[in-house]
C-alpha atoms as a PDB file:
ATOM      1  CA  MET A   1     117.760  87.796  91.107  1.00  0.00           C
ATOM      2  CA  TYR A   2     114.643  86.729  92.897  1.00  0.00           C
ATOM      3  CA  SER A   3     113.461  83.185  93.100  1.00  0.00           C
ATOM      4  CA  GLY A   4     109.656  82.824  92.753  1.00  0.00           C
ATOM      5  CA  GLY A   5     109.137  82.409  96.450  1.00  0.00           C
ATOM      6  CA  THR A   6     111.310  85.359  97.316  1.00  0.00           C
ATOM      7  CA  LEU A   7     109.575  87.595  94.691  1.00  0.00           C
ATOM      8  CA  ILE A   8     106.111  86.711  96.124  1.00  0.00           C
ATOM      9  CA  TYR A   9     107.426  87.465  99.733  1.00  0.00           C
ATOM     10  CA  THR A  10     108.857  90.734  98.634  1.00  0.00           C
ATOM     11  CA  MET A  11     105.709  91.743  96.770  1.00  0.00           C
ATOM     12  CA  ARG A  12     103.584  90.776  99.917  1.00  0.00           C
ATOM     13  CA  GLN A  13     105.940  92.781 102.198  1.00  0.00           C
ATOM     14  CA  ASP A  14     105.677  95.838  99.786  1.00  0.00           C
ATOM     15  CA  ALA A  15     101.772  95.484  99.881  1.00  0.00           C
ATOM     16  CA  TYR A  16     101.841  95.151 103.588  1.00  0.00           C
ATOM     17  CA  LEU A  17     103.921  98.318 104.063  1.00  0.00           C
ATOM     18  CA  GLN A  18     101.664 100.297 101.682  1.00  0.00           C
ATOM     19  CA  ILE A  19      98.559  99.101 103.358  1.00  0.00           C
ATOM     20  CA  GLU A  20      99.943  99.969 106.822  1.00  0.00           C
ATOM     21  CA  LYS A  21     100.840 103.436 105.597  1.00  0.00           C
ATOM     22  CA  ARG A  22      97.259 103.857 104.111  1.00  0.00           C
ATOM     23  CA  ILE A  23      95.689 102.689 107.423  1.00  0.00           C
ATOM     24  CA  LYS A  24      97.663 105.504 109.191  1.00  0.00           C
ATOM     25  CA  GLN A  25      96.411 107.953 106.608  1.00  0.00           C
ATOM     26  CA  LEU A  26      92.853 106.850 107.115  1.00  0.00           C
ATOM     27  CA  LEU A  27      93.323 107.143 110.932  1.00  0.00           C
ATOM     28  CA  ALA A  28      94.452 110.732 110.513  1.00  0.00           C
ATOM     29  CA  SER A  29      92.066 111.851 107.681  1.00  0.00           C
ATOM     30  CA  GLU A  30      88.802 109.974 108.563  1.00  0.00           C
ATOM     31  CA  LEU A  31      89.161 109.700 112.394  1.00  0.00           C
ATOM     32  CA  ASN A  32      91.215 112.830 113.114  1.00  0.00           C
ATOM     33  CA  VAL A  33      93.692 110.817 115.242  1.00  0.00           C
ATOM     34  CA  ASN A  34      96.383 113.037 116.545  1.00  0.00           C
ATOM     35  CA  ALA A  35      99.315 113.565 114.137  1.00  0.00           C
ATOM     36  CA  SER A  36     101.915 112.889 116.772  1.00  0.00           C
ATOM     37  CA  VAL A  37     100.255 109.435 117.607  1.00  0.00           C
ATOM     38  CA  ILE A  38     100.301 108.576 113.897  1.00  0.00           C
ATOM     39  CA  ALA A  39     103.947 109.794 113.564  1.00  0.00           C
ATOM     40  CA  THR A  40     105.082 107.500 116.476  1.00  0.00           C
ATOM     41  CA  SER A  41     103.047 104.583 115.455  1.00  0.00           C
ATOM     42  CA  ASN A  42     104.192 101.331 113.828  1.00  0.00           C
ATOM     43  CA  SER A  43     102.969  97.849 113.077  1.00  0.00           C
ATOM     44  CA  SER A  44     102.842  96.888 116.742  1.00  0.00           C
ATOM     45  CA  THR A  45     100.944 100.032 117.855  1.00  0.00           C
ATOM     46  CA  PRO A  46      97.687  98.968 119.532  1.00  0.00           C
ATOM     47  CA  LEU A  47      94.569 100.346 117.768  1.00  0.00           C
ATOM     48  CA  LEU A  48      92.402  99.888 120.890  1.00  0.00           C
ATOM     49  CA  GLY A  49      93.214 101.204 124.274  1.00  0.00           C
ATOM     50  CA  ARG A  50      96.663 102.431 124.746  1.00  0.00           C
ATOM     51  CA  GLY A  51      98.207 103.512 121.390  1.00  0.00           C
ATOM     52  CA  VAL A  52      95.858 104.888 118.917  1.00  0.00           C
ATOM     53  CA  GLY A  53      92.982 104.441 121.413  1.00  0.00           C
ATOM     54  CA  LEU A  54      89.995 103.804 119.185  1.00  0.00           C
ATOM     55  CA  ASP A  55      86.582 103.242 120.793  1.00  0.00           C
ATOM     56  CA  SER A  56      83.862 101.098 119.258  1.00  0.00           C
ATOM     57  CA  VAL A  57      82.266 103.834 117.242  1.00  0.00           C
ATOM     58  CA  GLU A  58      85.718 104.849 115.826  1.00  0.00           C
ATOM     59  CA  THR A  59      86.531 101.263 115.101  1.00  0.00           C
ATOM     60  CA  MET A  60      83.314 100.824 113.038  1.00  0.00           C
ATOM     61  CA  ALA A  61      84.084 104.079 111.136  1.00  0.00           C
ATOM     62  CA  LEU A  62      87.617 102.587 110.404  1.00  0.00           C
ATOM     63  CA  VAL A  63      86.152  99.392 109.101  1.00  0.00           C
ATOM     64  CA  LEU A  64      83.744 101.395 106.732  1.00  0.00           C
ATOM     65  CA  SER A  65      86.753 103.370 105.476  1.00  0.00           C
ATOM     66  CA  ILE A  66      88.825 100.321 104.930  1.00  0.00           C
ATOM     67  CA  GLU A  67      85.934  98.527 103.104  1.00  0.00           C
ATOM     68  CA  GLU A  68      85.673 101.558 100.764  1.00  0.00           C
ATOM     69  CA  GLU A  69      89.298 102.180 100.360  1.00  0.00           C
ATOM     70  CA  PHE A  70      90.382  98.547  99.635  1.00  0.00           C
ATOM     71  CA  GLU A  71      87.092  97.342  98.113  1.00  0.00           C
ATOM     72  CA  ILE A  72      86.777  94.472 100.509  1.00  0.00           C
ATOM     73  CA  SER A  73      84.053  93.273 102.842  1.00  0.00           C
ATOM     74  CA  VAL A  74      84.829  92.720 106.585  1.00  0.00           C
ATOM     75  CA  PRO A  75      82.165  90.285 107.791  1.00  0.00           C
ATOM     76  CA  ASP A  76      80.845  90.804 111.357  1.00  0.00           C
ATOM     77  CA  ALA A  77      82.363  87.494 112.380  1.00  0.00           C
ATOM     78  CA  ASP A  78      85.799  88.928 111.545  1.00  0.00           C
ATOM     79  CA  MET A  79      85.441  91.985 113.716  1.00  0.00           C
ATOM     80  CA  THR A  80      87.210  90.750 116.848  1.00  0.00           C
ATOM     81  CA  ALA A  81      89.590  92.453 119.248  1.00  0.00           C
ATOM     82  CA  THR A  82      92.262  90.336 117.706  1.00  0.00           C
ATOM     83  CA  LEU A  83      91.694  91.912 114.318  1.00  0.00           C
ATOM     84  CA  PHE A  84      92.171  95.389 115.877  1.00  0.00           C
ATOM     85  CA  GLU A  85      94.939  94.453 118.222  1.00  0.00           C
ATOM     86  CA  THR A  86      97.547  96.395 116.272  1.00  0.00           C
ATOM     87  CA  ILE A  87      98.044  98.347 113.064  1.00  0.00           C
ATOM     88  CA  GLY A  88      99.978  95.320 111.815  1.00  0.00           C
ATOM     89  CA  SER A  89      97.350  92.811 112.584  1.00  0.00           C
ATOM     90  CA  LEU A  90      94.727  94.954 110.588  1.00  0.00           C
ATOM     91  CA  ALA A  91      97.220  95.395 107.775  1.00  0.00           C
ATOM     92  CA  GLY A  92      97.899  91.597 107.542  1.00  0.00           C
ATOM     93  CA  TYR A  93      94.178  90.914 107.454  1.00  0.00           C
ATOM     94  CA  ILE A  94      93.711  93.391 104.555  1.00  0.00           C
ATOM     95  CA  VAL A  95      96.597  91.725 102.661  1.00  0.00           C
ATOM     96  CA  GLN A  96      94.913  88.293 103.259  1.00  0.00           C
ATOM     97  CA  LYS A  97      91.524  89.600 102.031  1.00  0.00           C
ATOM     98  CA  LEU A  98      93.120  91.240  98.863  1.00  0.00           C
ATOM     99  CA  SER A  99      94.995  87.961  98.194  1.00  0.00           C
ATOM    100  CA  GLU A 100      91.784  85.932  98.503  1.00  0.00           C
ATOM    101  CA  GLN A 101      90.109  88.397  95.951  1.00  0.00           C
ATOM    102  CA  THR A 102      92.881  88.013  93.561  1.00  0.00           C
ATOM    103  CA  GLU A 103      92.878  84.287  93.708  1.00  0.00           C
ATOM    104  CA  ARG A 104      89.066  84.188  93.182  1.00  0.00           C
ATOM    105  CA  ALA A 105      89.329  86.497  90.196  1.00  0.00           C
ATOM    106  CA  GLU A 106      92.134  84.362  88.646  1.00  0.00           C
ATOM    107  CA  ASN A 107      89.961  81.143  88.947  1.00  0.00           C
END
């Protein structure tokens, strides 16, 4: 039996994993990232430089895809190297934005 806190944590973990999976799918389908890079990537795989190796134009294309896919807005102020440090950092950001939207909708 889950306690309230454990259930919320489990739901967030499930959401995080699903979002991470969707980011990988977007990298493959929208940015044509090599399938072997996607297959060997995980939450700690860098998006910039070594790892996935996105450049600035590809990063912007990923942002547009994410905004459309998850129906969120990524303000210019949030577009930092830290946000795109890893697949996990981006997935965590999306989870946070979706959580904020849910909280606003409930109030």
